[in-house]
Amino acid sequence: MFDENAFQLFVFATNMNAEPHDFRVGHSPDPDDAFMFYAMTSGKIPTHGRSFEHVLLGIDELNEKARKGIYEVSAISIHSFPEVSDKYTLMNCGGSMGEGYGPILISRSPMSIEEARGSQIAIPGKSTSSYLSLCLAVGDVNVVGVPFDQILDRVACGEFRSGVIIHEGQLTWKKLGFYNILDLGKWWNESTGLPLPLGGNIVRNDLGPELCRGITEDVRNSIEYSLENPELALEFARKWGRGIDEETNEEFVRMYVNRRTLDYGNDGREAIKTFLNMGQEIGLVRSDFDVDGIRFIGEEIY
């Protein structure tokens, strides 16, 4: 069964008879991740004896867990991937990319970018892709890490003059009375002509090449099943919508789970490399990381 309290550690197995083959999957408690993993968690696809325990955490915490190599499979911010590339490889599927949209710098009253830069900005964490994209767009900023689901409230009460919102906040900010200072996904697309790479799925290298490919296939098959059976998967995903209505839930899921989620595509892989190269140029991505050497499990198949 499902514990709907966001950010409570929640584990469930899809096949209780395959304990020797359980793999932990760390991901966010959000509708888009729930949609992607629906078939894996509901026994809708064969996984060849592999079962998956799902651990739900905020993305900044998932990035930290990945640095320690805690979970066999995990969602991760693209910004953080270089820090874990000795332990993990990126899957070619399961990524989240903004197609001309993405995290948004918002405020409670009309404000210029320069005004926002002059005060503390609430962000979901310095390990996130939203932070790197903010710095690429506006330069040096004074930021404070805040749980993503608290940012709107803490800007509303005046604790912060502005904040960077992710997840469903990208769809609800306007009706809640906030102002859009800068849509980072739109800025990135206009600047590069590419989608904005936000998150990806990684698998731990010590499982061995064959098993890494098999798990990647499971993830891809799960995504494909949900795309082909959206009504079932959307019903499942609504459990993680944090009170948003059905229409907004579906819009959010479709923003970040689509055909590109099955395969980054050439431009998606180029976007990841461009994003990290630009991060190196401003000192927010380690300079010794071989961006051009990034390998994507499953790229050769799909």
C-alpha atoms as a PDB file:
ATOM      1  CA  MET A   1       0.000   0.000   0.000  1.00  0.00           C
ATOM      2  CA  PHE A   2       1.034   3.629  -0.354  1.00  0.00           C
ATOM      3  CA  ASP A   3       1.984   6.121   2.346  1.00  0.00           C
ATOM      4  CA  GLU A   4       0.927   9.501   0.964  1.00  0.00           C
ATOM      5  CA  ASN A   5       2.978  11.597   3.409  1.00  0.00           C
ATOM      6  CA  ALA A   6       5.577  13.194   1.155  1.00  0.00           C
ATOM      7  CA  PHE A   7       9.168  12.862   2.232  1.00  0.00           C
ATOM      8  CA  GLN A   8       8.493  10.011   4.618  1.00  0.00           C
ATOM      9  CA  LEU A   9      10.767   7.106   3.792  1.00  0.00           C
ATOM     10  CA  PHE A  10       8.527   4.655   2.010  1.00  0.00           C
ATOM     11  CA  VAL A  11       9.587   1.224   0.829  1.00  0.00           C
ATOM     12  CA  PHE A  12       7.572  -1.395  -0.915  1.00  0.00           C
ATOM     13  CA  ALA A  13       8.576  -4.479  -2.904  1.00  0.00           C
ATOM     14  CA  THR A  14       7.008  -5.515  -6.170  1.00  0.00           C
ATOM     15  CA  ASN A  15       7.806  -9.197  -5.688  1.00  0.00           C
ATOM     16  CA  MET A  16       8.065 -10.401  -2.132  1.00  0.00           C
ATOM     17  CA  ASN A  17       9.206 -13.831  -3.289  1.00  0.00           C
ATOM     18  CA  ALA A  18      12.396 -12.520  -4.889  1.00  0.00           C
ATOM     19  CA  GLU A  19      14.203 -11.051  -1.883  1.00  0.00           C
ATOM     20  CA  PRO A  20      17.683 -12.110  -3.057  1.00  0.00           C
ATOM     21  CA  HIS A  21      17.057  -9.980  -6.166  1.00  0.00           C
ATOM     22  CA  ASP A  22      15.675  -6.820  -4.565  1.00  0.00           C
ATOM     23  CA  PHE A  23      17.103  -3.532  -5.794  1.00  0.00           C
ATOM     24  CA  ARG A  24      16.506  -0.181  -4.145  1.00  0.00           C
ATOM     25  CA  VAL A  25      15.287   2.619  -6.388  1.00  0.00           C
ATOM     26  CA  GLY A  26      15.601   6.119  -4.960  1.00  0.00           C
ATOM     27  CA  HIS A  27      13.293   8.728  -6.473  1.00  0.00           C
ATOM     28  CA  SER A  28      11.145  11.721  -5.618  1.00  0.00           C
ATOM     29  CA  PRO A  29       7.591  11.368  -4.267  1.00  0.00           C
ATOM     30  CA  ASP A  30       6.116  13.075  -7.324  1.00  0.00           C
ATOM     31  CA  PRO A  31       3.497  12.239  -9.947  1.00  0.00           C
ATOM     32  CA  ASP A  32       5.970  12.026 -12.830  1.00  0.00           C
ATOM     33  CA  ASP A  33       8.206   9.499 -11.053  1.00  0.00           C
ATOM     34  CA  ALA A  34       5.154   7.540  -9.915  1.00  0.00           C
ATOM     35  CA  PHE A  35       3.908   7.459 -13.504  1.00  0.00           C
ATOM     36  CA  MET A  36       7.275   6.171 -14.760  1.00  0.00           C
ATOM     37  CA  PHE A  37       7.564   3.406 -12.192  1.00  0.00           C
ATOM     38  CA  TYR A  38       3.902   2.356 -12.149  1.00  0.00           C
ATOM     39  CA  ALA A  39       4.355  -0.828 -14.185  1.00  0.00           C
ATOM     40  CA  MET A  40       7.408  -1.930 -12.182  1.00  0.00           C
ATOM     41  CA  THR A  41       5.626  -1.465  -8.867  1.00  0.00           C
ATOM     42  CA  SER A  42       2.350  -3.003 -10.003  1.00  0.00           C
ATOM     43  CA  GLY A  43       3.619  -6.168 -11.661  1.00  0.00           C
ATOM     44  CA  LYS A  44       2.453  -5.058 -15.101  1.00  0.00           C
ATOM     45  CA  ILE A  45       5.683  -6.016 -16.837  1.00  0.00           C
ATOM     46  CA  PRO A  46       8.062  -8.970 -16.461  1.00  0.00           C
ATOM     47  CA  THR A  47      11.295  -8.097 -14.649  1.00  0.00           C
ATOM     48  CA  HIS A  48      12.936 -11.534 -14.838  1.00  0.00           C
ATOM     49  CA  GLY A  49      13.004 -12.192 -11.098  1.00  0.00           C
ATOM     50  CA  ARG A  50      14.144  -8.694 -10.197  1.00  0.00           C
ATOM     51  CA  SER A  51      12.034  -6.811  -7.659  1.00  0.00           C
ATOM     52  CA  PHE A  52      12.377  -3.209  -6.634  1.00  0.00           C
ATOM     53  CA  GLU A  53      12.110  -1.447  -3.300  1.00  0.00           C
ATOM     54  CA  HIS A  54      11.251   2.198  -3.819  1.00  0.00           C
ATOM     55  CA  VAL A  55      12.751   4.799  -1.492  1.00  0.00           C
ATOM     56  CA  LEU A  56      11.145   8.215  -1.752  1.00  0.00           C
ATOM     57  CA  LEU A  57      13.237  11.293  -0.921  1.00  0.00           C
ATOM     58  CA  GLY A  58      13.654  14.887  -2.106  1.00  0.00           C
ATOM     59  CA  ILE A  59      16.074  15.368  -4.972  1.00  0.00           C
ATOM     60  CA  ASP A  60      18.746  17.168  -2.942  1.00  0.00           C
ATOM     61  CA  GLU A  61      18.820  14.244  -0.500  1.00  0.00           C
ATOM     62  CA  LEU A  62      18.887  11.731  -3.353  1.00  0.00           C
ATOM     63  CA  ASN A  63      21.923  13.504  -4.770  1.00  0.00           C
ATOM     64  CA  GLU A  64      23.649  13.174  -1.405  1.00  0.00           C
ATOM     65  CA  LYS A  65      22.766   9.481  -1.108  1.00  0.00           C
ATOM     66  CA  ALA A  66      24.190   8.890  -4.579  1.00  0.00           C
ATOM     67  CA  ARG A  67      27.515  10.411  -3.534  1.00  0.00           C
ATOM     68  CA  LYS A  68      27.691   7.643  -0.946  1.00  0.00           C
ATOM     69  CA  GLY A  69      26.560   4.939  -3.380  1.00  0.00           C
ATOM     70  CA  ILE A  70      23.603   3.996  -1.188  1.00  0.00           C
ATOM     71  CA  TYR A  71      21.013   2.825  -3.731  1.00  0.00           C
ATOM     72  CA  GLU A  72      21.451   0.497  -6.670  1.00  0.00           C
ATOM     73  CA  VAL A  73      19.248   2.724  -8.843  1.00  0.00           C
ATOM     74  CA  SER A  74      18.429   6.375  -8.269  1.00  0.00           C
ATOM     75  CA  ALA A  75      17.100   9.542  -9.763  1.00  0.00           C
ATOM     76  CA  ILE A  76      19.730  12.266  -9.750  1.00  0.00           C
ATOM     77  CA  SER A  77      20.125  15.878 -10.774  1.00  0.00           C
ATOM     78  CA  ILE A  78      22.193  16.126 -13.946  1.00  0.00           C
ATOM     79  CA  HIS A  79      24.215  18.800 -12.144  1.00  0.00           C
ATOM     80  CA  SER A  80      25.288  16.195  -9.569  1.00  0.00           C
ATOM     81  CA  PHE A  81      26.120  13.356 -11.938  1.00  0.00           C
ATOM     82  CA  PRO A  82      29.849  14.202 -12.284  1.00  0.00           C
ATOM     83  CA  GLU A  83      30.222  13.783  -8.509  1.00  0.00           C
ATOM     84  CA  VAL A  84      28.993  10.181  -8.660  1.00  0.00           C
ATOM     85  CA  SER A  85      30.292   9.122 -12.069  1.00  0.00           C
ATOM     86  CA  ASP A  86      32.869   6.849 -10.444  1.00  0.00           C
ATOM     87  CA  LYS A  87      30.031   4.804  -8.911  1.00  0.00           C
ATOM     88  CA  TYR A  88      27.140   5.130 -11.361  1.00  0.00           C
ATOM     89  CA  THR A  89      26.291   5.319 -15.063  1.00  0.00           C
ATOM     90  CA  LEU A  90      23.438   7.317 -16.577  1.00  0.00           C
ATOM     91  CA  MET A  91      20.579   5.407 -18.127  1.00  0.00           C
ATOM     92  CA  ASN A  92      19.468   6.534 -21.561  1.00  0.00           C
ATOM     93  CA  CYS A  93      15.896   6.471 -20.269  1.00  0.00           C
ATOM     94  CA  GLY A  94      14.015   7.973 -17.345  1.00  0.00           C
ATOM     95  CA  GLY A  95      15.343  11.505 -17.699  1.00  0.00           C
ATOM     96  CA  SER A  96      13.427  14.722 -17.101  1.00  0.00           C
ATOM     97  CA  MET A  97      13.987  17.504 -19.614  1.00  0.00           C
ATOM     98  CA  GLY A  98      12.300  20.878 -19.967  1.00  0.00           C
ATOM     99  CA  GLU A  99      11.184  21.441 -23.543  1.00  0.00           C
ATOM    100  CA  GLY A 100      11.231  25.232 -23.378  1.00  0.00           C
ATOM    101  CA  TYR A 101      10.054  25.202 -19.761  1.00  0.00           C
ATOM    102  CA  GLY A 102      11.609  24.319 -16.444  1.00  0.00           C
ATOM    103  CA  PRO A 103      12.288  25.669 -12.943  1.00  0.00           C
ATOM    104  CA  ILE A 104      10.998  29.207 -12.451  1.00  0.00           C
ATOM    105  CA  LEU A 105      12.398  32.066 -10.400  1.00  0.00           C
ATOM    106  CA  ILE A 106       9.305  33.576  -8.764  1.00  0.00           C
ATOM    107  CA  SER A 107       8.489  36.378  -6.343  1.00  0.00           C
ATOM    108  CA  ARG A 108       5.503  37.626  -4.360  1.00  0.00           C
ATOM    109  CA  SER A 109       5.565  41.054  -6.046  1.00  0.00           C
ATOM    110  CA  PRO A 110       6.892  42.244  -9.414  1.00  0.00           C
ATOM    111  CA  MET A 111      10.687  42.193  -9.372  1.00  0.00           C
ATOM    112  CA  SER A 112      13.555  42.448 -11.829  1.00  0.00           C
ATOM    113  CA  ILE A 113      16.334  39.895 -12.104  1.00  0.00           C
ATOM    114  CA  GLU A 114      18.753  42.446 -10.640  1.00  0.00           C
ATOM    115  CA  GLU A 115      16.480  42.997  -7.650  1.00  0.00           C
ATOM    116  CA  ALA A 116      16.265  39.246  -7.076  1.00  0.00           C
ATOM    117  CA  ARG A 117      20.045  38.962  -7.226  1.00  0.00           C
ATOM    118  CA  GLY A 118      20.296  41.592  -4.494  1.00  0.00           C
ATOM    119  CA  SER A 119      18.673  39.384  -1.849  1.00  0.00           C
ATOM    120  CA  GLN A 120      18.679  35.761  -0.742  1.00  0.00           C
ATOM    121  CA  ILE A 121      16.983  33.361  -3.129  1.00  0.00           C
ATOM    122  CA  ALA A 122      15.373  30.161  -1.868  1.00  0.00           C
ATOM    123  CA  ILE A 123      16.437  27.145  -3.945  1.00  0.00           C
ATOM    124  CA  PRO A 124      15.797  23.385  -3.681  1.00  0.00           C
ATOM    125  CA  GLY A 125      19.512  22.783  -2.975  1.00  0.00           C
ATOM    126  CA  LYS A 126      22.916  23.554  -4.467  1.00  0.00           C
ATOM    127  CA  SER A 127      23.229  20.029  -5.836  1.00  0.00           C
ATOM    128  CA  THR A 128      20.226  20.495  -8.120  1.00  0.00           C
ATOM    129  CA  SER A 129      20.074  21.327 -11.797  1.00  0.00           C
ATOM    130  CA  SER A 130      17.782  24.235 -10.970  1.00  0.00           C
ATOM    131  CA  TYR A 131      20.640  25.870  -9.035  1.00  0.00           C
ATOM    132  CA  LEU A 132      23.133  25.391 -11.864  1.00  0.00           C
ATOM    133  CA  SER A 133      20.673  26.732 -14.424  1.00  0.00           C
ATOM    134  CA  LEU A 134      19.986  29.752 -12.190  1.00  0.00           C
ATOM    135  CA  CYS A 135      23.697  30.543 -11.946  1.00  0.00           C
ATOM    136  CA  LEU A 136      24.168  30.088 -15.692  1.00  0.00           C
ATOM    137  CA  ALA A 137      21.300  32.494 -16.350  1.00  0.00           C
ATOM    138  CA  VAL A 138      21.928  35.272 -13.828  1.00  0.00           C
ATOM    139  CA  GLY A 139      25.471  34.813 -12.493  1.00  0.00           C
ATOM    140  CA  ASP A 140      26.537  34.750  -8.855  1.00  0.00           C
ATOM    141  CA  VAL A 141      23.615  34.658  -6.451  1.00  0.00           C
ATOM    142  CA  ASN A 142      23.073  34.490  -2.704  1.00  0.00           C
ATOM    143  CA  VAL A 143      21.023  31.352  -2.126  1.00  0.00           C
ATOM    144  CA  VAL A 144      19.614  29.302   0.731  1.00  0.00           C
ATOM    145  CA  GLY A 145      18.623  25.655   0.370  1.00  0.00           C
ATOM    146  CA  VAL A 146      14.965  25.039   1.262  1.00  0.00           C
ATOM    147  CA  PRO A 147      12.853  21.873   0.826  1.00  0.00           C
ATOM    148  CA  PHE A 148      11.209  22.324  -2.566  1.00  0.00           C
ATOM    149  CA  ASP A 149       7.665  22.042  -1.222  1.00  0.00           C
ATOM    150  CA  GLN A 150       8.248  24.907   1.248  1.00  0.00           C
ATOM    151  CA  ILE A 151       9.590  27.504  -1.177  1.00  0.00           C
ATOM    152  CA  LEU A 152       6.274  29.019  -2.260  1.00  0.00           C
ATOM    153  CA  ASP A 153       5.070  29.337   1.343  1.00  0.00           C
ATOM    154  CA  ARG A 154       8.314  30.893   2.549  1.00  0.00           C
ATOM    155  CA  VAL A 155       8.333  33.417  -0.260  1.00  0.00           C
ATOM    156  CA  ALA A 156       4.653  34.162   0.418  1.00  0.00           C
ATOM    157  CA  CYS A 157       5.297  34.933   4.096  1.00  0.00           C
ATOM    158  CA  GLY A 158       8.192  37.259   3.258  1.00  0.00           C
ATOM    159  CA  GLU A 159      11.053  35.125   4.563  1.00  0.00           C
ATOM    160  CA  PHE A 160      12.529  35.260   1.051  1.00  0.00           C
ATOM    161  CA  ARG A 161      11.833  37.820  -1.656  1.00  0.00           C
ATOM    162  CA  SER A 162      12.197  35.210  -4.381  1.00  0.00           C
ATOM    163  CA  GLY A 163      12.668  31.486  -4.898  1.00  0.00           C
ATOM    164  CA  VAL A 164      13.218  28.846  -7.559  1.00  0.00           C
ATOM    165  CA  ILE A 165      10.297  26.459  -7.859  1.00  0.00           C
ATOM    166  CA  ILE A 166      10.319  22.954  -9.325  1.00  0.00           C
ATOM    167  CA  HIS A 167       7.823  20.094  -9.713  1.00  0.00           C
ATOM    168  CA  GLU A 168       4.130  21.041  -9.751  1.00  0.00           C
ATOM    169  CA  GLY A 169       4.905  24.578  -8.537  1.00  0.00           C
ATOM    170  CA  GLN A 170       5.788  25.316 -12.160  1.00  0.00           C
ATOM    171  CA  LEU A 171       2.063  25.024 -12.929  1.00  0.00           C
ATOM    172  CA  THR A 172       0.461  26.484  -9.797  1.00  0.00           C
ATOM    173  CA  TRP A 173       2.509  29.670  -9.117  1.00  0.00           C
ATOM    174  CA  LYS A 174       0.302  32.011 -11.144  1.00  0.00           C
ATOM    175  CA  LYS A 175      -3.028  31.028  -9.624  1.00  0.00           C
ATOM    176  CA  LEU A 176      -1.412  31.368  -6.185  1.00  0.00           C
ATOM    177  CA  GLY A 177      -0.561  35.018  -6.887  1.00  0.00           C
ATOM    178  CA  PHE A 178       3.172  34.839  -7.598  1.00  0.00           C
ATOM    179  CA  TYR A 179       5.163  36.553 -10.333  1.00  0.00           C
ATOM    180  CA  ASN A 180       7.471  34.964 -12.887  1.00  0.00           C
ATOM    181  CA  ILE A 181      10.871  36.647 -12.827  1.00  0.00           C
ATOM    182  CA  LEU A 182      12.557  34.116 -15.119  1.00  0.00           C
ATOM    183  CA  ASP A 183      11.591  30.735 -16.555  1.00  0.00           C
ATOM    184  CA  LEU A 184      14.950  28.964 -16.614  1.00  0.00           C
ATOM    185  CA  GLY A 185      13.815  26.338 -19.114  1.00  0.00           C
ATOM    186  CA  LYS A 186      12.680  28.998 -21.561  1.00  0.00           C
ATOM    187  CA  TRP A 187      15.896  30.967 -21.039  1.00  0.00           C
ATOM    188  CA  TRP A 188      18.008  27.858 -21.682  1.00  0.00           C
ATOM    189  CA  ASN A 189      16.095  26.893 -24.823  1.00  0.00           C
ATOM    190  CA  GLU A 190      16.353  30.409 -26.253  1.00  0.00           C
ATOM    191  CA  SER A 191      20.071  30.489 -25.434  1.00  0.00           C
ATOM    192  CA  THR A 192      21.066  27.043 -26.724  1.00  0.00           C
ATOM    193  CA  GLY A 193      18.196  25.702 -28.817  1.00  0.00           C
ATOM    194  CA  LEU A 194      18.235  22.595 -26.624  1.00  0.00           C
ATOM    195  CA  PRO A 195      15.963  21.099 -23.954  1.00  0.00           C
ATOM    196  CA  LEU A 196      17.009  21.802 -20.366  1.00  0.00           C
ATOM    197  CA  PRO A 197      18.425  18.646 -18.721  1.00  0.00           C
ATOM    198  CA  LEU A 198      17.127  18.457 -15.169  1.00  0.00           C
ATOM    199  CA  GLY A 199      17.163  14.891 -13.890  1.00  0.00           C
ATOM    200  CA  GLY A 200      18.280  11.447 -14.926  1.00  0.00           C
ATOM    201  CA  ASN A 201      18.286   7.866 -13.706  1.00  0.00           C
ATOM    202  CA  ILE A 202      21.520   6.168 -12.702  1.00  0.00           C
ATOM    203  CA  VAL A 203      22.468   2.555 -11.990  1.00  0.00           C
ATOM    204  CA  ARG A 204      25.374   1.478  -9.807  1.00  0.00           C
ATOM    205  CA  ASN A 205      28.376   0.124 -11.695  1.00  0.00           C
ATOM    206  CA  ASP A 206      29.262  -2.608  -9.199  1.00  0.00           C
ATOM    207  CA  LEU A 207      26.182  -4.581 -10.290  1.00  0.00           C
ATOM    208  CA  GLY A 208      28.062  -5.472 -13.467  1.00  0.00           C
ATOM    209  CA  PRO A 209      27.323  -4.598 -17.114  1.00  0.00           C
ATOM    210  CA  GLU A 210      24.735  -7.315 -17.768  1.00  0.00           C
ATOM    211  CA  LEU A 211      22.608  -6.527 -14.725  1.00  0.00           C
ATOM    212  CA  CYS A 212      22.882  -2.775 -15.309  1.00  0.00           C
ATOM    213  CA  ARG A 213      21.523  -3.292 -18.819  1.00  0.00           C
ATOM    214  CA  GLY A 214      18.736  -5.539 -17.521  1.00  0.00           C
ATOM    215  CA  ILE A 215      17.595  -3.019 -14.896  1.00  0.00           C
ATOM    216  CA  THR A 216      17.733  -0.233 -17.467  1.00  0.00           C
ATOM    217  CA  GLU A 217      15.493  -2.347 -19.688  1.00  0.00           C
ATOM    218  CA  ASP A 218      13.051  -2.768 -16.791  1.00  0.00           C
ATOM    219  CA  VAL A 219      12.890   1.012 -16.313  1.00  0.00           C
ATOM    220  CA  ARG A 220      12.387   1.641 -20.012  1.00  0.00           C
ATOM    221  CA  ASN A 221       9.661  -1.019 -20.258  1.00  0.00           C
ATOM    222  CA  SER A 222       7.905   0.500 -17.255  1.00  0.00           C
ATOM    223  CA  ILE A 223       7.909   3.951 -18.847  1.00  0.00           C
ATOM    224  CA  GLU A 224       6.712   2.566 -22.167  1.00  0.00           C
ATOM    225  CA  TYR A 225       3.862   0.664 -20.485  1.00  0.00           C
ATOM    226  CA  SER A 226       2.663   3.832 -18.753  1.00  0.00           C
ATOM    227  CA  LEU A 227       2.820   5.861 -21.950  1.00  0.00           C
ATOM    228  CA  GLU A 228       0.742   3.194 -23.674  1.00  0.00           C
ATOM    229  CA  ASN A 229      -1.696   2.845 -20.737  1.00  0.00           C
ATOM    230  CA  PRO A 230      -1.909   6.428 -19.460  1.00  0.00           C
ATOM    231  CA  GLU A 231      -5.261   6.182 -17.683  1.00  0.00           C
ATOM    232  CA  LEU A 232      -4.033   3.453 -15.332  1.00  0.00           C
ATOM    233  CA  ALA A 233      -0.687   5.129 -14.735  1.00  0.00           C
ATOM    234  CA  LEU A 234      -2.218   8.589 -14.205  1.00  0.00           C
ATOM    235  CA  GLU A 235      -4.631   7.188 -11.620  1.00  0.00           C
ATOM    236  CA  PHE A 236      -1.617   5.764  -9.786  1.00  0.00           C
ATOM    237  CA  ALA A 237       0.319   9.046 -10.171  1.00  0.00           C
ATOM    238  CA  ARG A 238      -2.488  11.131  -8.658  1.00  0.00           C
ATOM    239  CA  LYS A 239      -1.603   9.736  -5.229  1.00  0.00           C
ATOM    240  CA  TRP A 240       1.539  11.886  -5.304  1.00  0.00           C
ATOM    241  CA  GLY A 241       0.057  15.179  -6.508  1.00  0.00           C
ATOM    242  CA  ARG A 242       0.173  17.048  -3.153  1.00  0.00           C
ATOM    243  CA  GLY A 243      -3.394  18.270  -3.555  1.00  0.00           C
ATOM    244  CA  ILE A 244      -3.245  19.443  -7.179  1.00  0.00           C
ATOM    245  CA  ASP A 245      -6.327  18.796  -9.296  1.00  0.00           C
ATOM    246  CA  GLU A 246      -6.583  15.987 -11.814  1.00  0.00           C
ATOM    247  CA  GLU A 247      -6.032  18.223 -14.842  1.00  0.00           C
ATOM    248  CA  THR A 248      -2.908  19.833 -13.370  1.00  0.00           C
ATOM    249  CA  ASN A 249      -1.589  16.433 -12.335  1.00  0.00           C
ATOM    250  CA  GLU A 250      -1.904  15.121 -15.888  1.00  0.00           C
ATOM    251  CA  GLU A 251      -0.348  18.247 -17.384  1.00  0.00           C
ATOM    252  CA  PHE A 252       2.633  17.991 -15.041  1.00  0.00           C
ATOM    253  CA  VAL A 253       3.182  14.302 -15.766  1.00  0.00           C
ATOM    254  CA  ARG A 254       3.036  14.853 -19.509  1.00  0.00           C
ATOM    255  CA  MET A 255       5.555  17.692 -19.238  1.00  0.00           C
ATOM    256  CA  TYR A 256       8.210  15.344 -17.925  1.00  0.00           C
ATOM    257  CA  VAL A 257       7.229  11.851 -19.074  1.00  0.00           C
ATOM    258  CA  ASN A 258       7.065  11.534 -22.856  1.00  0.00           C
ATOM    259  CA  ARG A 259       8.851   9.859 -25.754  1.00  0.00           C
ATOM    260  CA  ARG A 260      12.098  11.595 -24.783  1.00  0.00           C
ATOM    261  CA  THR A 261      11.861   9.871 -21.399  1.00  0.00           C
ATOM    262  CA  LEU A 262      12.306   6.591 -23.275  1.00  0.00           C
ATOM    263  CA  ASP A 263      15.388   7.906 -25.086  1.00  0.00           C
ATOM    264  CA  TYR A 264      17.171  11.226 -24.534  1.00  0.00           C
ATOM    265  CA  GLY A 265      17.815  11.413 -28.257  1.00  0.00           C
ATOM    266  CA  ASN A 266      20.864  12.992 -29.834  1.00  0.00           C
ATOM    267  CA  ASP A 267      19.858  16.529 -28.876  1.00  0.00           C
ATOM    268  CA  GLY A 268      19.033  15.445 -25.322  1.00  0.00           C
ATOM    269  CA  ARG A 269      22.437  13.865 -24.875  1.00  0.00           C
ATOM    270  CA  GLU A 270      24.004  16.954 -26.426  1.00  0.00           C
ATOM    271  CA  ALA A 271      22.034  19.116 -23.971  1.00  0.00           C
ATOM    272  CA  ILE A 272      23.447  17.205 -20.991  1.00  0.00           C
ATOM    273  CA  LYS A 273      26.994  17.653 -22.232  1.00  0.00           C
ATOM    274  CA  THR A 274      26.445  21.334 -23.025  1.00  0.00           C
ATOM    275  CA  PHE A 275      24.908  21.930 -19.580  1.00  0.00           C
ATOM    276  CA  LEU A 276      27.833  20.313 -17.781  1.00  0.00           C
ATOM    277  CA  ASN A 277      30.441  21.998 -19.992  1.00  0.00           C
ATOM    278  CA  MET A 278      28.908  25.371 -19.170  1.00  0.00           C
ATOM    279  CA  GLY A 279      28.875  24.388 -15.507  1.00  0.00           C
ATOM    280  CA  GLN A 280      32.612  23.717 -15.726  1.00  0.00           C
ATOM    281  CA  GLU A 281      33.153  27.153 -17.245  1.00  0.00           C
ATOM    282  CA  ILE A 282      31.653  28.860 -14.176  1.00  0.00           C
ATOM    283  CA  GLY A 283      33.278  26.518 -11.659  1.00  0.00           C
ATOM    284  CA  LEU A 284      30.157  24.633 -10.529  1.00  0.00           C
ATOM    285  CA  VAL A 285      31.087  21.326 -12.169  1.00  0.00           C
ATOM    286  CA  ARG A 286      34.420  19.660 -11.411  1.00  0.00           C
ATOM    287  CA  SER A 287      36.968  20.596 -14.037  1.00  0.00           C
ATOM    288  CA  ASP A 288      38.504  17.115 -14.321  1.00  0.00           C
ATOM    289  CA  PHE A 289      35.227  15.462 -15.328  1.00  0.00           C
ATOM    290  CA  ASP A 290      35.276  14.126 -18.908  1.00  0.00           C
ATOM    291  CA  VAL A 291      31.981  15.462 -20.213  1.00  0.00           C
ATOM    292  CA  ASP A 292      32.500  14.137 -23.737  1.00  0.00           C
ATOM    293  CA  GLY A 293      33.126  10.671 -22.299  1.00  0.00           C
ATOM    294  CA  ILE A 294      29.672  10.301 -20.727  1.00  0.00           C
ATOM    295  CA  ARG A 295      28.162   6.917 -21.566  1.00  0.00           C
ATOM    296  CA  PHE A 296      24.428   6.260 -21.535  1.00  0.00           C
ATOM    297  CA  ILE A 297      23.301   2.689 -20.817  1.00  0.00           C
ATOM    298  CA  GLY A 298      20.804   1.679 -23.481  1.00  0.00           C
ATOM    299  CA  GLU A 299      21.859   4.263 -26.055  1.00  0.00           C
ATOM    300  CA  GLU A 300      23.207   1.555 -28.341  1.00  0.00           C
ATOM    301  CA  ILE A 301      19.870  -0.284 -28.291  1.00  0.00           C
ATOM    302  CA  TYR A 302      17.387   2.507 -28.721  1.00  0.00           C
END
